[in-house]
Amino acid sequence: MLGFAAFVVVLGYLIAASVVRPDVAEFAPTPPGLRPSGRPGPDTVTIDARDPARWQFYSLRRGAISSPDTADWDLAFRRFHVITSGSAADAGEVIFEQLRDTATAIFTETVFARDTVHPALSRWYRYGVVTHLLRPNGHVFLVRTRWAARIKLEFLSYYCPGAQPGCLTFRWAPLGP
């Protein structure tokens, strides 16, 4: 009888969890164009990466989406995939505002292939098995651009308004020399 009661409780939980959508942070895509200040970071950006067949290329220097046929990009996004034109490292669960040093970070380059992913950036999220939601894992990432700029990056959300997946929101700030 106890086993049956536990089964009913678990079943009830699964049904309730699948019906009730938890709150997720939602952000509208950042309008195209250059960053209003014209100066490099810090910034919070939402990239519309909903198209599973198309990468969205972003230039940190310009603060804008770049054309795919240009070399002027630093980060690229496709759904939940993120790559960099330079190298990246996972700094772990640290406080974004307090991270200032990259001396101990182990950077890896993006290896471009048919299904390109970057090992340091490939698990920026936690996947909820019951809710099927992606939530940021709380890590801060380090990026070295091909222009030798160093930035810190933190993912804030994966959702567009209406809890539609594919709007990757992140904040970034330059790191000192």
N, C-alpha and C. Protein backbone atom coordinates (compact mmCIF):
# COMPACT_ATOMS: atom_id res chain seq x y z
N MET A 1 0.81 -1.19 0.00
CA MET A 1 0.00 0.00 0.00
C MET A 1 0.86 1.27 0.00
N LEU A 2 1.99 1.24 0.75
CA LEU A 2 2.89 2.39 0.81
C LEU A 2 3.51 2.64 -0.57
N GLY A 3 3.85 1.57 -1.28
CA GLY A 3 4.42 1.70 -2.62
C GLY A 3 3.43 2.35 -3.57
N PHE A 4 2.17 1.97 -3.48
CA PHE A 4 1.14 2.55 -4.34
C PHE A 4 0.95 4.04 -4.03
N ALA A 5 0.97 4.40 -2.75
CA ALA A 5 0.82 5.80 -2.35
C ALA A 5 1.99 6.63 -2.88
N ALA A 6 3.19 6.09 -2.80
CA ALA A 6 4.36 6.80 -3.33
C ALA A 6 4.23 6.97 -4.84
N PHE A 7 3.74 5.94 -5.52
CA PHE A 7 3.53 6.01 -6.97
C PHE A 7 2.54 7.12 -7.31
N VAL A 8 1.45 7.21 -6.57
CA VAL A 8 0.42 8.23 -6.82
C VAL A 8 0.99 9.63 -6.58
N VAL A 9 1.79 9.79 -5.53
CA VAL A 9 2.40 11.09 -5.24
C VAL A 9 3.35 11.50 -6.36
N VAL A 10 4.19 10.59 -6.80
CA VAL A 10 5.14 10.88 -7.89
C VAL A 10 4.38 11.20 -9.17
N LEU A 11 3.37 10.42 -9.48
CA LEU A 11 2.57 10.65 -10.68
C LEU A 11 1.89 12.02 -10.60
N GLY A 12 1.34 12.35 -9.45
CA GLY A 12 0.71 13.67 -9.26
C GLY A 12 1.70 14.80 -9.46
N TYR A 13 2.91 14.63 -8.94
CA TYR A 13 3.95 15.65 -9.10
C TYR A 13 4.30 15.84 -10.58
N LEU A 14 4.49 14.73 -11.30
CA LEU A 14 4.84 14.82 -12.72
C LEU A 14 3.75 15.50 -13.52
N ILE A 15 2.51 15.18 -13.23
CA ILE A 15 1.40 15.81 -13.96
C ILE A 15 1.34 17.30 -13.64
N ALA A 16 1.44 17.64 -12.37
CA ALA A 16 1.40 19.06 -11.97
C ALA A 16 2.57 19.83 -12.58
N ALA A 17 3.74 19.24 -12.58
CA ALA A 17 4.93 19.92 -13.12
C ALA A 17 4.81 20.13 -14.62
N SER A 18 4.14 19.23 -15.31
CA SER A 18 4.01 19.38 -16.76
C SER A 18 2.92 20.38 -17.13
N VAL A 19 1.98 20.64 -16.24
CA VAL A 19 0.89 21.57 -16.52
C VAL A 19 1.26 22.99 -16.10
N VAL A 20 1.91 23.14 -14.96
CA VAL A 20 2.27 24.46 -14.43
C VAL A 20 3.63 24.85 -14.98
N ARG A 21 3.68 25.92 -15.78
CA ARG A 21 4.94 26.39 -16.32
C ARG A 21 5.62 27.30 -15.30
N PRO A 22 6.83 26.97 -14.90
CA PRO A 22 7.54 27.85 -13.98
C PRO A 22 7.89 29.17 -14.68
N ASP A 23 8.09 30.19 -13.89
CA ASP A 23 8.49 31.49 -14.45
C ASP A 23 9.90 31.40 -15.01
N VAL A 24 10.08 32.00 -16.17
CA VAL A 24 11.41 32.11 -16.75
C VAL A 24 11.63 33.58 -17.11
N ALA A 25 12.87 34.00 -17.05
CA ALA A 25 13.19 35.37 -17.47
C ALA A 25 13.03 35.45 -18.98
N GLU A 26 12.30 36.45 -19.44
CA GLU A 26 12.04 36.63 -20.87
C GLU A 26 12.57 37.99 -21.31
N PHE A 27 13.21 38.01 -22.48
CA PHE A 27 13.75 39.25 -23.02
C PHE A 27 13.43 39.34 -24.51
N ALA A 28 13.05 40.53 -24.96
CA ALA A 28 12.85 40.76 -26.39
C ALA A 28 14.22 40.90 -27.05
N PRO A 29 14.35 40.45 -28.31
CA PRO A 29 15.64 40.59 -29.00
C PRO A 29 16.09 42.05 -29.05
N THR A 30 17.39 42.24 -28.90
CA THR A 30 17.97 43.57 -29.01
C THR A 30 17.79 44.06 -30.44
N PRO A 31 17.30 45.29 -30.63
CA PRO A 31 17.11 45.79 -32.00
C PRO A 31 18.44 45.83 -32.75
N PRO A 32 18.39 45.59 -34.07
CA PRO A 32 19.63 45.64 -34.85
C PRO A 32 20.21 47.05 -34.86
N GLY A 33 21.48 47.12 -35.11
CA GLY A 33 22.15 48.42 -35.17
C GLY A 33 23.27 48.48 -34.17
N LEU A 34 24.00 49.56 -34.24
CA LEU A 34 25.14 49.73 -33.36
C LEU A 34 24.70 50.10 -31.95
N ARG A 35 25.55 49.77 -31.00
CA ARG A 35 25.31 50.13 -29.61
C ARG A 35 25.16 51.65 -29.54
N PRO A 36 24.15 52.14 -28.85
CA PRO A 36 23.90 53.59 -28.82
C PRO A 36 25.10 54.41 -28.34
N SER A 37 25.84 53.94 -27.37
CA SER A 37 26.96 54.72 -26.85
C SER A 37 28.13 54.73 -27.81
N GLY A 38 28.23 53.72 -28.66
CA GLY A 38 29.36 53.62 -29.57
C GLY A 38 30.64 53.19 -28.90
N ARG A 39 30.58 52.92 -27.60
CA ARG A 39 31.76 52.50 -26.85
C ARG A 39 31.66 51.03 -26.49
N PRO A 40 32.81 50.36 -26.32
CA PRO A 40 32.78 48.94 -25.98
C PRO A 40 32.29 48.68 -24.57
N GLY A 41 31.35 47.78 -24.41
CA GLY A 41 30.80 47.25 -23.16
C GLY A 41 30.93 48.15 -21.96
N PRO A 42 30.47 47.74 -20.83
CA PRO A 42 29.67 46.52 -20.65
C PRO A 42 28.29 46.67 -21.27
N ASP A 43 27.66 45.56 -21.53
CA ASP A 43 26.37 45.59 -22.20
C ASP A 43 25.58 44.33 -21.88
N THR A 44 24.27 44.42 -22.02
CA THR A 44 23.39 43.26 -21.95
C THR A 44 22.70 43.16 -23.30
N VAL A 45 22.77 41.99 -23.92
CA VAL A 45 22.30 41.81 -25.28
C VAL A 45 21.41 40.58 -25.35
N THR A 46 20.36 40.65 -26.16
CA THR A 46 19.52 39.49 -26.44
C THR A 46 19.58 39.20 -27.93
N ILE A 47 20.08 38.02 -28.27
CA ILE A 47 20.22 37.60 -29.66
C ILE A 47 19.06 36.69 -30.02
N ASP A 48 18.41 36.97 -31.14
CA ASP A 48 17.33 36.11 -31.64
C ASP A 48 17.98 34.94 -32.38
N ALA A 49 18.11 33.82 -31.69
CA ALA A 49 18.77 32.63 -32.23
C ALA A 49 17.77 31.51 -32.45
N ARG A 50 16.52 31.86 -32.74
CA ARG A 50 15.46 30.85 -32.87
C ARG A 50 15.60 29.97 -34.10
N ASP A 51 16.23 30.46 -35.15
CA ASP A 51 16.37 29.68 -36.38
C ASP A 51 17.42 28.58 -36.18
N PRO A 52 17.01 27.30 -36.21
CA PRO A 52 17.97 26.22 -35.95
C PRO A 52 18.98 25.99 -37.07
N ALA A 53 18.78 26.63 -38.22
CA ALA A 53 19.68 26.41 -39.35
C ALA A 53 20.62 27.59 -39.59
N ARG A 54 20.50 28.65 -38.80
CA ARG A 54 21.25 29.86 -39.11
C ARG A 54 21.95 30.42 -37.87
N TRP A 55 23.25 30.62 -37.99
CA TRP A 55 24.02 31.26 -36.92
C TRP A 55 23.77 32.76 -36.96
N GLN A 56 23.72 33.37 -35.77
CA GLN A 56 23.67 34.83 -35.64
C GLN A 56 25.03 35.27 -35.12
N PHE A 57 25.72 36.09 -35.88
CA PHE A 57 27.07 36.52 -35.55
C PHE A 57 27.02 37.90 -34.88
N TYR A 58 27.74 38.03 -33.77
CA TYR A 58 27.70 39.28 -33.00
C TYR A 58 29.10 39.84 -32.82
N SER A 59 29.24 41.13 -33.08
CA SER A 59 30.51 41.83 -32.90
C SER A 59 30.48 42.59 -31.58
N LEU A 60 31.38 42.25 -30.68
CA LEU A 60 31.48 42.96 -29.41
C LEU A 60 31.99 44.39 -29.63
N ARG A 61 32.90 44.57 -30.55
CA ARG A 61 33.46 45.90 -30.82
C ARG A 61 32.39 46.87 -31.32
N ARG A 62 31.53 46.38 -32.20
CA ARG A 62 30.49 47.24 -32.78
C ARG A 62 29.20 47.20 -31.98
N GLY A 63 29.03 46.16 -31.16
CA GLY A 63 27.79 46.02 -30.42
C GLY A 63 26.62 45.74 -31.32
N ALA A 64 26.83 44.91 -32.35
CA ALA A 64 25.78 44.68 -33.34
C ALA A 64 25.93 43.30 -33.97
N ILE A 65 24.82 42.84 -34.55
CA ILE A 65 24.84 41.61 -35.35
C ILE A 65 25.70 41.86 -36.58
N SER A 66 26.54 40.90 -36.93
CA SER A 66 27.40 41.01 -38.11
C SER A 66 26.90 40.10 -39.20
N SER A 67 27.24 40.44 -40.41
CA SER A 67 26.91 39.60 -41.55
C SER A 67 27.71 38.30 -41.45
N PRO A 68 27.10 37.16 -41.87
CA PRO A 68 27.83 35.89 -41.78
C PRO A 68 29.04 35.80 -42.70
N ASP A 69 29.11 36.67 -43.70
CA ASP A 69 30.23 36.59 -44.64
C ASP A 69 31.37 37.56 -44.28
N THR A 70 31.38 38.03 -43.06
CA THR A 70 32.44 38.93 -42.62
C THR A 70 33.25 38.29 -41.50
N ALA A 71 34.45 38.79 -41.32
CA ALA A 71 35.29 38.29 -40.22
C ALA A 71 35.08 39.12 -38.96
N ASP A 72 34.22 40.13 -39.03
CA ASP A 72 34.02 41.03 -37.89
C ASP A 72 32.95 40.50 -36.93
N TRP A 73 33.25 39.36 -36.32
CA TRP A 73 32.34 38.82 -35.30
C TRP A 73 33.18 38.20 -34.19
N ASP A 74 32.60 38.17 -33.00
CA ASP A 74 33.29 37.61 -31.84
C ASP A 74 32.55 36.42 -31.26
N LEU A 75 31.23 36.48 -31.26
CA LEU A 75 30.39 35.40 -30.73
C LEU A 75 29.34 35.06 -31.77
N ALA A 76 28.97 33.78 -31.82
CA ALA A 76 27.90 33.36 -32.73
C ALA A 76 26.95 32.46 -31.96
N PHE A 77 25.67 32.54 -32.32
CA PHE A 77 24.61 31.84 -31.59
C PHE A 77 23.68 31.14 -32.57
N ARG A 78 23.31 29.92 -32.25
CA ARG A 78 22.29 29.18 -33.00
C ARG A 78 21.55 28.33 -31.98
N ARG A 79 20.28 28.71 -31.74
CA ARG A 79 19.47 28.11 -30.67
C ARG A 79 20.25 28.22 -29.35
N PHE A 80 20.64 27.11 -28.76
CA PHE A 80 21.37 27.17 -27.49
C PHE A 80 22.87 26.96 -27.68
N HIS A 81 23.33 26.90 -28.91
CA HIS A 81 24.76 26.73 -29.20
C HIS A 81 25.45 28.09 -29.24
N VAL A 82 26.66 28.15 -28.69
CA VAL A 82 27.44 29.38 -28.66
C VAL A 82 28.87 29.05 -29.06
N ILE A 83 29.42 29.85 -29.97
CA ILE A 83 30.83 29.69 -30.33
C ILE A 83 31.48 31.07 -30.31
N THR A 84 32.80 31.08 -30.31
CA THR A 84 33.55 32.32 -30.36
C THR A 84 34.55 32.24 -31.51
N SER A 85 34.89 33.39 -32.07
CA SER A 85 35.89 33.41 -33.14
C SER A 85 37.29 33.28 -32.57
N GLY A 86 37.42 33.45 -31.28
CA GLY A 86 38.72 33.33 -30.62
C GLY A 86 38.76 32.10 -29.73
N SER A 87 38.95 32.32 -28.45
CA SER A 87 39.00 31.20 -27.50
C SER A 87 38.15 31.55 -26.28
N ALA A 88 37.83 30.53 -25.49
CA ALA A 88 36.96 30.73 -24.32
C ALA A 88 37.36 29.78 -23.20
N ALA A 89 36.94 30.15 -21.99
CA ALA A 89 37.17 29.33 -20.80
C ALA A 89 35.97 29.48 -19.88
N ASP A 90 35.72 28.46 -19.10
CA ASP A 90 34.64 28.48 -18.11
C ASP A 90 35.27 28.83 -16.76
N ALA A 91 34.93 29.99 -16.22
CA ALA A 91 35.48 30.43 -14.93
C ALA A 91 34.72 29.82 -13.76
N GLY A 92 33.61 29.15 -14.04
CA GLY A 92 32.84 28.52 -12.98
C GLY A 92 31.84 29.47 -12.34
N GLU A 93 31.36 29.07 -11.17
CA GLU A 93 30.36 29.87 -10.45
C GLU A 93 31.07 30.94 -9.63
N VAL A 94 31.27 32.06 -10.25
CA VAL A 94 31.89 33.21 -9.59
C VAL A 94 30.96 34.40 -9.74
N ILE A 95 31.19 35.42 -8.94
CA ILE A 95 30.36 36.62 -9.03
C ILE A 95 30.87 37.47 -10.18
N PHE A 96 29.99 37.75 -11.13
CA PHE A 96 30.34 38.45 -12.36
C PHE A 96 31.11 39.74 -12.07
N GLU A 97 30.59 40.57 -11.19
CA GLU A 97 31.20 41.87 -10.90
C GLU A 97 32.58 41.74 -10.26
N GLN A 98 32.85 40.65 -9.60
CA GLN A 98 34.13 40.49 -8.89
C GLN A 98 35.21 39.83 -9.73
N LEU A 99 34.86 39.26 -10.86
CA LEU A 99 35.85 38.57 -11.70
C LEU A 99 36.70 39.60 -12.43
N ARG A 100 38.00 39.56 -12.19
CA ARG A 100 38.90 40.53 -12.81
C ARG A 100 40.14 39.89 -13.43
N ASP A 101 40.43 38.64 -13.09
CA ASP A 101 41.70 38.03 -13.49
C ASP A 101 41.43 36.76 -14.29
N THR A 102 42.21 36.57 -15.33
CA THR A 102 42.08 35.35 -16.15
C THR A 102 43.35 34.52 -16.12
N ALA A 103 44.25 34.80 -15.20
CA ALA A 103 45.56 34.15 -15.18
C ALA A 103 45.48 32.63 -15.06
N THR A 104 44.52 32.11 -14.32
CA THR A 104 44.45 30.66 -14.12
C THR A 104 43.52 29.97 -15.11
N ALA A 105 42.89 30.73 -15.98
CA ALA A 105 41.93 30.15 -16.93
C ALA A 105 42.65 29.36 -18.02
N ILE A 106 42.03 28.26 -18.41
CA ILE A 106 42.55 27.44 -19.51
C ILE A 106 41.63 27.68 -20.71
N PHE A 107 42.12 28.42 -21.68
CA PHE A 107 41.34 28.78 -22.85
C PHE A 107 41.44 27.70 -23.92
N THR A 108 40.35 27.45 -24.61
CA THR A 108 40.35 26.53 -25.75
C THR A 108 39.78 27.26 -26.95
N GLU A 109 40.32 26.92 -28.10
CA GLU A 109 39.87 27.52 -29.36
C GLU A 109 38.60 26.83 -29.85
N THR A 110 37.83 27.55 -30.64
CA THR A 110 36.70 26.94 -31.33
C THR A 110 37.24 26.13 -32.49
N VAL A 111 36.81 24.89 -32.60
CA VAL A 111 37.18 24.05 -33.74
C VAL A 111 35.97 24.03 -34.67
N PHE A 112 36.15 24.59 -35.85
CA PHE A 112 35.03 24.71 -36.78
C PHE A 112 34.85 23.42 -37.56
N ALA A 113 33.63 22.91 -37.51
CA ALA A 113 33.27 21.67 -38.20
C ALA A 113 31.79 21.76 -38.59
N ARG A 114 31.26 20.67 -39.09
CA ARG A 114 29.86 20.66 -39.53
C ARG A 114 28.90 21.05 -38.41
N ASP A 115 29.06 20.48 -37.24
CA ASP A 115 28.23 20.80 -36.08
C ASP A 115 29.10 21.43 -35.00
N THR A 116 29.58 22.62 -35.28
CA THR A 116 30.51 23.30 -34.39
C THR A 116 29.87 23.61 -33.04
N VAL A 117 30.59 23.26 -32.00
CA VAL A 117 30.26 23.69 -30.64
C VAL A 117 31.58 24.04 -29.97
N HIS A 118 31.51 24.85 -28.95
CA HIS A 118 32.72 25.18 -28.21
C HIS A 118 32.66 24.47 -26.87
N PRO A 119 33.69 23.68 -26.52
CA PRO A 119 33.62 22.88 -25.29
C PRO A 119 33.39 23.70 -24.02
N ALA A 120 33.98 24.88 -23.92
CA ALA A 120 33.79 25.69 -22.70
C ALA A 120 32.40 26.31 -22.64
N LEU A 121 31.79 26.56 -23.80
CA LEU A 121 30.50 27.25 -23.84
C LEU A 121 29.33 26.31 -24.09
N SER A 122 29.60 25.04 -24.33
CA SER A 122 28.53 24.12 -24.75
C SER A 122 27.54 23.79 -23.65
N ARG A 123 27.90 23.96 -22.40
CA ARG A 123 26.98 23.65 -21.29
C ARG A 123 26.77 24.88 -20.41
N TRP A 124 26.41 25.98 -21.01
CA TRP A 124 26.13 27.21 -20.26
C TRP A 124 24.81 27.11 -19.52
N TYR A 125 24.07 26.06 -19.75
CA TYR A 125 22.71 25.92 -19.21
C TYR A 125 22.54 24.63 -18.42
N ARG A 126 21.46 24.62 -17.65
CA ARG A 126 20.96 23.39 -17.00
C ARG A 126 19.64 23.07 -17.68
N TYR A 127 19.45 21.81 -18.00
CA TYR A 127 18.21 21.38 -18.64
C TYR A 127 17.28 20.77 -17.60
N GLY A 128 16.05 21.26 -17.53
CA GLY A 128 15.05 20.72 -16.61
C GLY A 128 14.31 19.57 -17.27
N VAL A 129 14.54 18.35 -16.82
CA VAL A 129 13.94 17.17 -17.43
C VAL A 129 12.42 17.22 -17.34
N VAL A 130 11.89 17.66 -16.22
CA VAL A 130 10.44 17.71 -16.05
C VAL A 130 9.85 18.90 -16.79
N THR A 131 10.49 20.07 -16.70
CA THR A 131 9.94 21.29 -17.30
C THR A 131 10.36 21.49 -18.75
N HIS A 132 11.42 20.82 -19.18
CA HIS A 132 12.01 20.98 -20.51
C HIS A 132 12.48 22.41 -20.75
N LEU A 133 12.92 23.08 -19.70
CA LEU A 133 13.41 24.44 -19.81
C LEU A 133 14.93 24.47 -19.67
N LEU A 134 15.54 25.42 -20.38
CA LEU A 134 16.97 25.67 -20.22
C LEU A 134 17.12 26.89 -19.32
N ARG A 135 17.95 26.73 -18.30
CA ARG A 135 18.23 27.84 -17.38
C ARG A 135 19.75 28.01 -17.29
N PRO A 136 20.23 29.24 -17.20
CA PRO A 136 21.67 29.45 -17.06
C PRO A 136 22.23 28.69 -15.86
N ASN A 137 23.43 28.14 -16.02
CA ASN A 137 24.03 27.34 -14.95
C ASN A 137 24.74 28.18 -13.89
N GLY A 138 24.74 29.50 -14.03
CA GLY A 138 25.36 30.35 -13.03
C GLY A 138 26.85 30.56 -13.21
N HIS A 139 27.42 30.02 -14.28
CA HIS A 139 28.85 30.19 -14.53
C HIS A 139 29.12 31.50 -15.26
N VAL A 140 30.32 32.00 -15.08
CA VAL A 140 30.82 33.14 -15.85
C VAL A 140 31.86 32.58 -16.80
N PHE A 141 31.83 33.05 -18.04
CA PHE A 141 32.74 32.55 -19.06
C PHE A 141 33.69 33.67 -19.47
N LEU A 142 34.87 33.27 -19.88
CA LEU A 142 35.89 34.21 -20.34
C LEU A 142 36.09 34.01 -21.83
N VAL A 143 36.22 35.10 -22.55
CA VAL A 143 36.42 35.03 -23.99
C VAL A 143 37.60 35.91 -24.36
N ARG A 144 38.49 35.35 -25.19
CA ARG A 144 39.55 36.14 -25.83
C ARG A 144 39.18 36.23 -27.30
N THR A 145 39.00 37.44 -27.78
CA THR A 145 38.61 37.60 -29.17
C THR A 145 39.83 37.46 -30.07
N ARG A 146 39.59 37.34 -31.34
CA ARG A 146 40.72 37.27 -32.27
C ARG A 146 41.49 38.58 -32.30
N TRP A 147 40.89 39.66 -31.77
CA TRP A 147 41.53 40.97 -31.71
C TRP A 147 42.28 41.15 -30.38
N ALA A 148 42.38 40.08 -29.59
CA ALA A 148 43.10 40.04 -28.31
C ALA A 148 42.37 40.76 -27.17
N ALA A 149 41.13 41.15 -27.39
CA ALA A 149 40.34 41.71 -26.29
C ALA A 149 39.92 40.56 -25.38
N ARG A 150 39.80 40.85 -24.08
CA ARG A 150 39.36 39.84 -23.12
C ARG A 150 38.08 40.33 -22.47
N ILE A 151 37.07 39.46 -22.43
CA ILE A 151 35.79 39.83 -21.82
C ILE A 151 35.32 38.73 -20.89
N LYS A 152 34.41 39.10 -20.01
CA LYS A 152 33.69 38.11 -19.21
C LYS A 152 32.25 38.13 -19.69
N LEU A 153 31.62 36.96 -19.61
CA LEU A 153 30.31 36.75 -20.22
C LEU A 153 29.46 35.92 -19.28
N GLU A 154 28.21 36.33 -19.09
CA GLU A 154 27.29 35.56 -18.25
C GLU A 154 25.94 35.47 -18.94
N PHE A 155 25.42 34.26 -19.05
CA PHE A 155 24.12 34.07 -19.68
C PHE A 155 23.02 34.31 -18.67
N LEU A 156 21.98 35.02 -19.09
CA LEU A 156 20.88 35.40 -18.20
C LEU A 156 19.58 34.67 -18.52
N SER A 157 19.36 34.33 -19.79
CA SER A 157 18.10 33.70 -20.17
C SER A 157 18.20 33.10 -21.57
N TYR A 158 17.24 32.24 -21.86
CA TYR A 158 17.13 31.62 -23.19
C TYR A 158 15.76 31.87 -23.81
N TYR A 159 14.97 32.75 -23.22
CA TYR A 159 13.57 32.86 -23.64
C TYR A 159 13.19 34.24 -24.11
N CYS A 160 12.41 34.24 -25.22
CA CYS A 160 11.79 35.44 -25.77
C CYS A 160 10.48 35.67 -25.03
N PRO A 161 9.82 36.81 -25.24
CA PRO A 161 8.50 37.01 -24.63
C PRO A 161 7.55 35.86 -24.98
N GLY A 162 6.70 35.50 -24.01
CA GLY A 162 5.79 34.38 -24.20
C GLY A 162 6.45 33.05 -23.94
N ALA A 163 7.60 33.06 -23.29
CA ALA A 163 8.37 31.85 -22.98
C ALA A 163 8.74 31.06 -24.23
N GLN A 164 8.93 31.76 -25.35
CA GLN A 164 9.39 31.12 -26.58
C GLN A 164 10.90 30.94 -26.50
N PRO A 165 11.41 29.74 -26.77
CA PRO A 165 12.85 29.51 -26.68
C PRO A 165 13.61 30.14 -27.85
N GLY A 166 14.87 30.46 -27.61
CA GLY A 166 15.76 30.88 -28.68
C GLY A 166 16.25 32.31 -28.61
N CYS A 167 15.88 33.06 -27.60
CA CYS A 167 16.41 34.42 -27.42
C CYS A 167 17.46 34.36 -26.32
N LEU A 168 18.70 34.24 -26.74
CA LEU A 168 19.81 34.11 -25.78
C LEU A 168 20.20 35.49 -25.26
N THR A 169 20.01 35.70 -23.97
CA THR A 169 20.37 36.97 -23.35
C THR A 169 21.62 36.77 -22.50
N PHE A 170 22.58 37.66 -22.69
CA PHE A 170 23.82 37.59 -21.93
C PHE A 170 24.28 38.99 -21.60
N ARG A 171 25.08 39.08 -20.56
CA ARG A 171 25.74 40.34 -20.27
C ARG A 171 27.24 40.11 -20.38
N TRP A 172 27.94 41.13 -20.77
CA TRP A 172 29.38 41.02 -20.90
C TRP A 172 30.03 42.34 -20.48
N ALA A 173 31.29 42.23 -20.13
CA ALA A 173 32.08 43.40 -19.76
C ALA A 173 33.53 43.12 -20.11
N PRO A 174 34.26 44.15 -20.51
CA PRO A 174 35.68 43.95 -20.79
C PRO A 174 36.46 43.66 -19.51
N LEU A 175 37.53 42.91 -19.67
CA LEU A 175 38.45 42.65 -18.56
C LEU A 175 39.70 43.48 -18.80
N GLY A 176 40.33 43.90 -17.74
CA GLY A 176 41.55 44.71 -17.86
C GLY A 176 42.69 43.95 -18.51
N PRO A 177 43.78 44.65 -18.77
CA PRO A 177 44.94 44.00 -19.43
C PRO A 177 45.58 42.93 -18.60
